[in-house]
Amino acid sequence: MRVLVLLLPLALGGCLVRTAADVVTMPVKAAGWTADKLTTSQSEADEKRGRELRKADERRAKEERRRAREERRDERTPY
């Protein structure tokens, strides 16, 4: 029991040091996270632009298919 009592401050001391280190580094990590979220890298911008272009192409292709389908339907419909 005495050994446990003697080792308890040593064990708790490590926890306190770790907690103090976490508290000290937290503002730095928060600032880095904020800067990362507020800025866009060139590769991220390129990916976003590529995604936008792909979606625009898909919308155009879908519209063309719809028009072609309507034209075929109109050709079959007698007046």
PDB file of N, CA and C in Angstrom:
ATOM      1  N   MET A   1       0.821  -1.185   0.000  1.00  0.00           N
ATOM      2  CA  MET A   1       0.000   0.000   0.000  1.00  0.00           C
ATOM      3  C   MET A   1       0.867   1.250   0.000  1.00  0.00           C
ATOM      4  N   ARG A   2       1.954   1.227   0.770  1.00  0.00           N
ATOM      5  CA  ARG A   2       2.843   2.392   0.838  1.00  0.00           C
ATOM      6  C   ARG A   2       3.509   2.642  -0.506  1.00  0.00           C
ATOM      7  N   VAL A   3       3.838   1.545  -1.203  1.00  0.00           N
ATOM      8  CA  VAL A   3       4.478   1.690  -2.515  1.00  0.00           C
ATOM      9  C   VAL A   3       3.534   2.393  -3.480  1.00  0.00           C
ATOM     10  N   LEU A   4       2.256   2.025  -3.426  1.00  0.00           N
ATOM     11  CA  LEU A   4       1.252   2.642  -4.272  1.00  0.00           C
ATOM     12  C   LEU A   4       1.125   4.130  -3.966  1.00  0.00           C
ATOM     13  N   VAL A   5       1.123   4.462  -2.697  1.00  0.00           N
ATOM     14  CA  VAL A   5       1.030   5.865  -2.270  1.00  0.00           C
ATOM     15  C   VAL A   5       2.260   6.642  -2.725  1.00  0.00           C
ATOM     16  N   LEU A   6       3.428   6.012  -2.680  1.00  0.00           N
ATOM     17  CA  LEU A   6       4.652   6.687  -3.090  1.00  0.00           C
ATOM     18  C   LEU A   6       4.731   6.862  -4.609  1.00  0.00           C
ATOM     19  N   LEU A   7       4.175   5.930  -5.374  1.00  0.00           N
ATOM     20  CA  LEU A   7       4.228   6.000  -6.832  1.00  0.00           C
ATOM     21  C   LEU A   7       3.107   6.850  -7.433  1.00  0.00           C
ATOM     22  N   LEU A   8       2.071   7.103  -6.659  1.00  0.00           N
ATOM     23  CA  LEU A   8       0.934   7.873  -7.152  1.00  0.00           C
ATOM     24  C   LEU A   8       1.327   9.272  -7.639  1.00  0.00           C
ATOM     25  N   PRO A   9       2.141  10.047  -6.918  1.00  0.00           N
ATOM     26  CA  PRO A   9       2.531  11.369  -7.423  1.00  0.00           C
ATOM     27  C   PRO A   9       3.330  11.299  -8.725  1.00  0.00           C
ATOM     28  N   LEU A  10       4.139  10.262  -8.865  1.00  0.00           N
ATOM     29  CA  LEU A  10       4.901  10.125 -10.104  1.00  0.00           C
ATOM     30  C   LEU A  10       3.986   9.854 -11.292  1.00  0.00           C
ATOM     31  N   ALA A  11       2.994   9.005 -11.084  1.00  0.00           N
ATOM     32  CA  ALA A  11       2.049   8.683 -12.164  1.00  0.00           C
ATOM     33  C   ALA A  11       1.201   9.895 -12.511  1.00  0.00           C
ATOM     34  N   LEU A  12       0.733  10.595 -11.516  1.00  0.00           N
ATOM     35  CA  LEU A  12      -0.085  11.770 -11.762  1.00  0.00           C
ATOM     36  C   LEU A  12       0.738  12.906 -12.358  1.00  0.00           C
ATOM     37  N   GLY A  13       1.998  12.982 -12.009  1.00  0.00           N
ATOM     38  CA  GLY A  13       2.865  14.029 -12.554  1.00  0.00           C
ATOM     39  C   GLY A  13       2.972  13.927 -14.061  1.00  0.00           C
ATOM     40  N   GLY A  14       3.073  12.720 -14.586  1.00  0.00           N
ATOM     41  CA  GLY A  14       3.116  12.524 -16.036  1.00  0.00           C
ATOM     42  C   GLY A  14       1.837  12.966 -16.704  1.00  0.00           C
ATOM     43  N   CYS A  15       0.713  12.676 -16.075  1.00  0.00           N
ATOM     44  CA  CYS A  15      -0.581  13.085 -16.621  1.00  0.00           C
ATOM     45  C   CYS A  15      -0.699  14.610 -16.644  1.00  0.00           C
ATOM     46  N   LEU A  16      -0.232  15.231 -15.587  1.00  0.00           N
ATOM     47  CA  LEU A  16      -0.308  16.691 -15.507  1.00  0.00           C
ATOM     48  C   LEU A  16       0.595  17.343 -16.555  1.00  0.00           C
ATOM     49  N   VAL A  17       1.781  16.781 -16.749  1.00  0.00           N
ATOM     50  CA  VAL A  17       2.693  17.331 -17.753  1.00  0.00           C
ATOM     51  C   VAL A  17       2.078  17.196 -19.136  1.00  0.00           C
ATOM     52  N   ARG A  18       1.496  16.048 -19.414  1.00  0.00           N
ATOM     53  CA  ARG A  18       0.865  15.805 -20.714  1.00  0.00           C
ATOM     54  C   ARG A  18      -0.298  16.779 -20.932  1.00  0.00           C
ATOM     55  N   THR A  19      -1.116  16.975 -19.923  1.00  0.00           N
ATOM     56  CA  THR A  19      -2.246  17.895 -20.019  1.00  0.00           C
ATOM     57  C   THR A  19      -1.759  19.324 -20.230  1.00  0.00           C
ATOM     58  N   ALA A  20      -0.719  19.716 -19.509  1.00  0.00           N
ATOM     59  CA  ALA A  20      -0.167  21.061 -19.678  1.00  0.00           C
ATOM     60  C   ALA A  20       0.369  21.246 -21.093  1.00  0.00           C
ATOM     61  N   ALA A  21       1.025  20.236 -21.629  1.00  0.00           N
ATOM     62  CA  ALA A  21       1.550  20.323 -22.998  1.00  0.00           C
ATOM     63  C   ALA A  21       0.405  20.440 -24.002  1.00  0.00           C
ATOM     64  N   ASP A  22      -0.669  19.694 -23.780  1.00  0.00           N
ATOM     65  CA  ASP A  22      -1.828  19.781 -24.665  1.00  0.00           C
ATOM     66  C   ASP A  22      -2.463  21.167 -24.626  1.00  0.00           C
ATOM     67  N   VAL A  23      -2.561  21.726 -23.436  1.00  0.00           N
ATOM     68  CA  VAL A  23      -3.164  23.054 -23.285  1.00  0.00           C
ATOM     69  C   VAL A  23      -2.301  24.113 -23.971  1.00  0.00           C
ATOM     70  N   VAL A  24      -0.993  23.983 -23.870  1.00  0.00           N
ATOM     71  CA  VAL A  24      -0.095  24.965 -24.471  1.00  0.00           C
ATOM     72  C   VAL A  24      -0.128  24.874 -25.994  1.00  0.00           C
ATOM     73  N   THR A  25      -0.191  23.675 -26.555  1.00  0.00           N
ATOM     74  CA  THR A  25      -0.156  23.520 -28.015  1.00  0.00           C
ATOM     75  C   THR A  25      -1.517  23.686 -28.668  1.00  0.00           C
ATOM     76  N   MET A  26      -2.580  23.693 -27.887  1.00  0.00           N
ATOM     77  CA  MET A  26      -3.925  23.795 -28.460  1.00  0.00           C
ATOM     78  C   MET A  26      -4.138  25.060 -29.304  1.00  0.00           C
ATOM     79  N   PRO A  27      -3.745  26.265 -28.856  1.00  0.00           N
ATOM     80  CA  PRO A  27      -3.952  27.454 -29.685  1.00  0.00           C
ATOM     81  C   PRO A  27      -3.190  27.379 -31.019  1.00  0.00           C
ATOM     82  N   VAL A  28      -2.010  26.793 -30.995  1.00  0.00           N
ATOM     83  CA  VAL A  28      -1.233  26.674 -32.225  1.00  0.00           C
ATOM     84  C   VAL A  28      -1.934  25.731 -33.195  1.00  0.00           C
ATOM     85  N   LYS A  29      -2.431  24.607 -32.689  1.00  0.00           N
ATOM     86  CA  LYS A  29      -3.153  23.661 -33.539  1.00  0.00           C
ATOM     87  C   LYS A  29      -4.438  24.284 -34.077  1.00  0.00           C
ATOM     88  N   ALA A  30      -5.145  25.042 -33.247  1.00  0.00           N
ATOM     89  CA  ALA A  30      -6.381  25.689 -33.676  1.00  0.00           C
ATOM     90  C   ALA A  30      -6.101  26.718 -34.765  1.00  0.00           C
ATOM     91  N   ALA A  31      -5.043  27.476 -34.610  1.00  0.00           N
ATOM     92  CA  ALA A  31      -4.691  28.474 -35.633  1.00  0.00           C
ATOM     93  C   ALA A  31      -4.319  27.792 -36.942  1.00  0.00           C
ATOM     94  N   GLY A  32      -3.579  26.706 -36.874  1.00  0.00           N
ATOM     95  CA  GLY A  32      -3.220  25.965 -38.083  1.00  0.00           C
ATOM     96  C   GLY A  32      -4.431  25.379 -38.763  1.00  0.00           C
ATOM     97  N   TRP A  33      -5.360  24.832 -37.997  1.00  0.00           N
ATOM     98  CA  TRP A  33      -6.589  24.263 -38.547  1.00  0.00           C
ATOM     99  C   TRP A  33      -7.411  25.345 -39.234  1.00  0.00           C
ATOM    100  N   THR A  34      -7.523  26.516 -38.581  1.00  0.00           N
ATOM    101  CA  THR A  34      -8.293  27.623 -39.146  1.00  0.00           C
ATOM    102  C   THR A  34      -7.668  28.105 -40.448  1.00  0.00           C
ATOM    103  N   ALA A  35      -6.369  28.269 -40.451  1.00  0.00           N
ATOM    104  CA  ALA A  35      -5.693  28.716 -41.675  1.00  0.00           C
ATOM    105  C   ALA A  35      -5.876  27.703 -42.792  1.00  0.00           C
ATOM    106  N   ASP A  36      -5.849  26.433 -42.467  1.00  0.00           N
ATOM    107  CA  ASP A  36      -6.030  25.387 -43.470  1.00  0.00           C
ATOM    108  C   ASP A  36      -7.435  25.433 -44.056  1.00  0.00           C
ATOM    109  N   LYS A  37      -8.420  25.695 -43.226  1.00  0.00           N
ATOM    110  CA  LYS A  37      -9.808  25.728 -43.697  1.00  0.00           C
ATOM    111  C   LYS A  37     -10.104  27.003 -44.492  1.00  0.00           C
ATOM    112  N   LEU A  38      -9.421  28.093 -44.184  1.00  0.00           N
ATOM    113  CA  LEU A  38      -9.692  29.361 -44.858  1.00  0.00           C
ATOM    114  C   LEU A  38      -8.952  29.507 -46.183  1.00  0.00           C
ATOM    115  N   THR A  39      -7.911  28.750 -46.374  1.00  0.00           N
ATOM    116  CA  THR A  39      -7.147  28.859 -47.611  1.00  0.00           C
ATOM    117  C   THR A  39      -7.375  27.632 -48.479  1.00  0.00           C
ATOM    118  N   THR A  40      -7.249  27.823 -49.778  1.00  0.00           N
ATOM    119  CA  THR A  40      -7.428  26.738 -50.731  1.00  0.00           C
ATOM    120  C   THR A  40      -6.134  26.578 -51.510  1.00  0.00           C
ATOM    121  N   SER A  41      -5.628  25.371 -51.535  1.00  0.00           N
ATOM    122  CA  SER A  41      -4.407  25.133 -52.289  1.00  0.00           C
ATOM    123  C   SER A  41      -4.726  25.109 -53.777  1.00  0.00           C
ATOM    124  N   GLN A  42      -3.698  25.229 -54.602  1.00  0.00           N
ATOM    125  CA  GLN A  42      -3.899  25.220 -56.045  1.00  0.00           C
ATOM    126  C   GLN A  42      -4.481  23.879 -56.497  1.00  0.00           C
ATOM    127  N   SER A  43      -4.022  22.791 -55.909  1.00  0.00           N
ATOM    128  CA  SER A  43      -4.546  21.476 -56.313  1.00  0.00           C
ATOM    129  C   SER A  43      -6.019  21.335 -55.939  1.00  0.00           C
ATOM    130  N   GLU A  44      -6.403  21.872 -54.780  1.00  0.00           N
ATOM    131  CA  GLU A  44      -7.812  21.823 -54.396  1.00  0.00           C
ATOM    132  C   GLU A  44      -8.662  22.656 -55.344  1.00  0.00           C
ATOM    133  N   ALA A  45      -8.156  23.818 -55.733  1.00  0.00           N
ATOM    134  CA  ALA A  45      -8.878  24.664 -56.678  1.00  0.00           C
ATOM    135  C   ALA A  45      -9.005  23.964 -58.033  1.00  0.00           C
ATOM    136  N   ASP A  46      -7.942  23.301 -58.482  1.00  0.00           N
ATOM    137  CA  ASP A  46      -7.985  22.572 -59.750  1.00  0.00           C
ATOM    138  C   ASP A  46      -9.000  21.437 -59.701  1.00  0.00           C
ATOM    139  N   GLU A  47      -9.024  20.713 -58.594  1.00  0.00           N
ATOM    140  CA  GLU A  47      -9.985  19.616 -58.447  1.00  0.00           C
ATOM    141  C   GLU A  47     -11.414  20.141 -58.487  1.00  0.00           C
ATOM    142  N   LYS A  48     -11.640  21.258 -57.807  1.00  0.00           N
ATOM    143  CA  LYS A  48     -12.975  21.832 -57.774  1.00  0.00           C
ATOM    144  C   LYS A  48     -13.397  22.286 -59.173  1.00  0.00           C
ATOM    145  N   ARG A  49     -12.496  22.930 -59.892  1.00  0.00           N
ATOM    146  CA  ARG A  49     -12.802  23.387 -61.248  1.00  0.00           C
ATOM    147  C   ARG A  49     -13.078  22.197 -62.168  1.00  0.00           C
ATOM    148  N   GLY A  50     -12.279  21.140 -62.056  1.00  0.00           N
ATOM    149  CA  GLY A  50     -12.501  19.942 -62.859  1.00  0.00           C
ATOM    150  C   GLY A  50     -13.846  19.313 -62.574  1.00  0.00           C
ATOM    151  N   ARG A  51     -14.231  19.290 -61.304  1.00  0.00           N
ATOM    152  CA  ARG A  51     -15.530  18.754 -60.914  1.00  0.00           C
ATOM    153  C   ARG A  51     -16.656  19.575 -61.530  1.00  0.00           C
ATOM    154  N   GLU A  52     -16.515  20.908 -61.485  1.00  0.00           N
ATOM    155  CA  GLU A  52     -17.533  21.783 -62.060  1.00  0.00           C
ATOM    156  C   GLU A  52     -17.661  21.556 -63.560  1.00  0.00           C
ATOM    157  N   LEU A  53     -16.533  21.442 -64.255  1.00  0.00           N
ATOM    158  CA  LEU A  53     -16.572  21.203 -65.698  1.00  0.00           C
ATOM    159  C   LEU A  53     -17.210  19.857 -66.030  1.00  0.00           C
ATOM    160  N   ARG A  54     -16.883  18.826 -65.273  1.00  0.00           N
ATOM    161  CA  ARG A  54     -17.472  17.506 -65.502  1.00  0.00           C
ATOM    162  C   ARG A  54     -18.987  17.539 -65.309  1.00  0.00           C
ATOM    163  N   LYS A  55     -19.428  18.213 -64.261  1.00  0.00           N
ATOM    164  CA  LYS A  55     -20.868  18.297 -64.015  1.00  0.00           C
ATOM    165  C   LYS A  55     -21.572  19.093 -65.115  1.00  0.00           C
ATOM    166  N   ALA A  56     -20.938  20.161 -65.585  1.00  0.00           N
ATOM    167  CA  ALA A  56     -21.527  20.933 -66.683  1.00  0.00           C
ATOM    168  C   ALA A  56     -21.630  20.076 -67.939  1.00  0.00           C
ATOM    169  N   ASP A  57     -20.594  19.289 -68.237  1.00  0.00           N
ATOM    170  CA  ASP A  57     -20.645  18.392 -69.390  1.00  0.00           C
ATOM    171  C   ASP A  57     -21.753  17.366 -69.234  1.00  0.00           C
ATOM    172  N   GLU A  58     -21.905  16.830 -68.045  1.00  0.00           N
ATOM    173  CA  GLU A  58     -22.971  15.859 -67.800  1.00  0.00           C
ATOM    174  C   GLU A  58     -24.343  16.488 -68.002  1.00  0.00           C
ATOM    175  N   ARG A  59     -24.519  17.726 -67.538  1.00  0.00           N
ATOM    176  CA  ARG A  59     -25.807  18.409 -67.727  1.00  0.00           C
ATOM    177  C   ARG A  59     -26.088  18.644 -69.210  1.00  0.00           C
ATOM    178  N   ARG A  60     -25.044  19.082 -69.962  1.00  0.00           N
ATOM    179  CA  ARG A  60     -25.227  19.291 -71.399  1.00  0.00           C
ATOM    180  C   ARG A  60     -25.584  17.996 -72.112  1.00  0.00           C
ATOM    181  N   ALA A  61     -24.887  16.923 -71.788  1.00  0.00           N
ATOM    182  CA  ALA A  61     -25.157  15.628 -72.421  1.00  0.00           C
ATOM    183  C   ALA A  61     -26.571  15.160 -72.092  1.00  0.00           C
ATOM    184  N   LYS A  62     -26.993  15.341 -70.870  1.00  0.00           N
ATOM    185  CA  LYS A  62     -28.343  14.936 -70.468  1.00  0.00           C
ATOM    186  C   LYS A  62     -29.387  15.739 -71.238  1.00  0.00           C
ATOM    187  N   GLU A  63     -29.148  17.029 -71.385  1.00  0.00           N
ATOM    188  CA  GLU A  63     -30.074  17.883 -72.132  1.00  0.00           C
ATOM    189  C   GLU A  63     -30.116  17.469 -73.607  1.00  0.00           C
ATOM    190  N   GLU A  64     -28.978  17.156 -74.193  1.00  0.00           N
ATOM    191  CA  GLU A  64     -28.946  16.705 -75.591  1.00  0.00           C
ATOM    192  C   GLU A  64     -29.717  15.396 -75.760  1.00  0.00           C
ATOM    193  N   ARG A  65     -29.542  14.468 -74.831  1.00  0.00           N
ATOM    194  CA  ARG A  65     -30.287  13.205 -74.908  1.00  0.00           C
ATOM    195  C   ARG A  65     -31.789  13.452 -74.799  1.00  0.00           C
ATOM    196  N   ARG A  66     -32.170  14.365 -73.926  1.00  0.00           N
ATOM    197  CA  ARG A  66     -33.590  14.684 -73.765  1.00  0.00           C
ATOM    198  C   ARG A  66     -34.156  15.277 -75.051  1.00  0.00           C
ATOM    199  N   ARG A  67     -33.406  16.209 -75.664  1.00  0.00           N
ATOM    200  CA  ARG A  67     -33.870  16.806 -76.931  1.00  0.00           C
ATOM    201  C   ARG A  67     -33.980  15.772 -78.034  1.00  0.00           C
ATOM    202  N   ALA A  68     -32.973  14.899 -78.130  1.00  0.00           N
ATOM    203  CA  ALA A  68     -32.997  13.855 -79.155  1.00  0.00           C
ATOM    204  C   ALA A  68     -34.190  12.931 -78.932  1.00  0.00           C
ATOM    205  N   ARG A  69     -34.474  12.592 -77.712  1.00  0.00           N
ATOM    206  CA  ARG A  69     -35.608  11.734 -77.397  1.00  0.00           C
ATOM    207  C   ARG A  69     -36.920  12.417 -77.797  1.00  0.00           C
ATOM    208  N   GLU A  70     -37.031  13.724 -77.520  1.00  0.00           N
ATOM    209  CA  GLU A  70     -38.239  14.459 -77.895  1.00  0.00           C
ATOM    210  C   GLU A  70     -38.379  14.544 -79.408  1.00  0.00           C
ATOM    211  N   GLU A  71     -37.266  14.754 -80.113  1.00  0.00           N
ATOM    212  CA  GLU A  71     -37.326  14.820 -81.579  1.00  0.00           C
ATOM    213  C   GLU A  71     -37.783  13.495 -82.162  1.00  0.00           C
ATOM    214  N   ARG A  72     -37.264  12.382 -81.635  1.00  0.00           N
ATOM    215  CA  ARG A  72     -37.691  11.072 -82.124  1.00  0.00           C
ATOM    216  C   ARG A  72     -39.175  10.854 -81.853  1.00  0.00           C
ATOM    217  N   ARG A  73     -39.614  11.281 -80.685  1.00  0.00           N
ATOM    218  CA  ARG A  73     -41.012  11.136 -80.332  1.00  0.00           C
ATOM    219  C   ARG A  73     -41.887  11.986 -81.252  1.00  0.00           C
ATOM    220  N   ASP A  74     -41.434  13.214 -81.552  1.00  0.00           N
ATOM    221  CA  ASP A  74     -42.198  14.105 -82.429  1.00  0.00           C
ATOM    222  C   ASP A  74     -42.243  13.554 -83.846  1.00  0.00           C
ATOM    223  N   GLU A  75     -41.199  12.917 -84.321  1.00  0.00           N
ATOM    224  CA  GLU A  75     -41.165  12.338 -85.665  1.00  0.00           C
ATOM    225  C   GLU A  75     -42.156  11.191 -85.789  1.00  0.00           C
ATOM    226  N   ARG A  76     -42.346  10.437 -84.738  1.00  0.00           N
ATOM    227  CA  ARG A  76     -43.252   9.294 -84.776  1.00  0.00           C
ATOM    228  C   ARG A  76     -44.705   9.740 -84.633  1.00  0.00           C
ATOM    229  N   THR A  77     -44.937  10.885 -84.029  1.00  0.00           N
ATOM    230  CA  THR A  77     -46.301  11.349 -83.783  1.00  0.00           C
ATOM    231  C   THR A  77     -46.866  11.967 -85.062  1.00  0.00           C
ATOM    232  N   PRO A  78     -47.968  11.416 -85.566  1.00  0.00           N
ATOM    233  CA  PRO A  78     -48.584  12.020 -86.774  1.00  0.00           C
ATOM    234  C   PRO A  78     -49.283  13.316 -86.400  1.00  0.00           C
ATOM    235  N   TYR A  79     -49.313  14.226 -87.366  1.00  0.00           N
ATOM    236  CA  TYR A  79     -49.959  15.514 -87.122  1.00  0.00           C
ATOM    237  C   TYR A  79     -51.375  15.497 -87.590  1.00  0.00           C
TER     238      TYR A  79
END
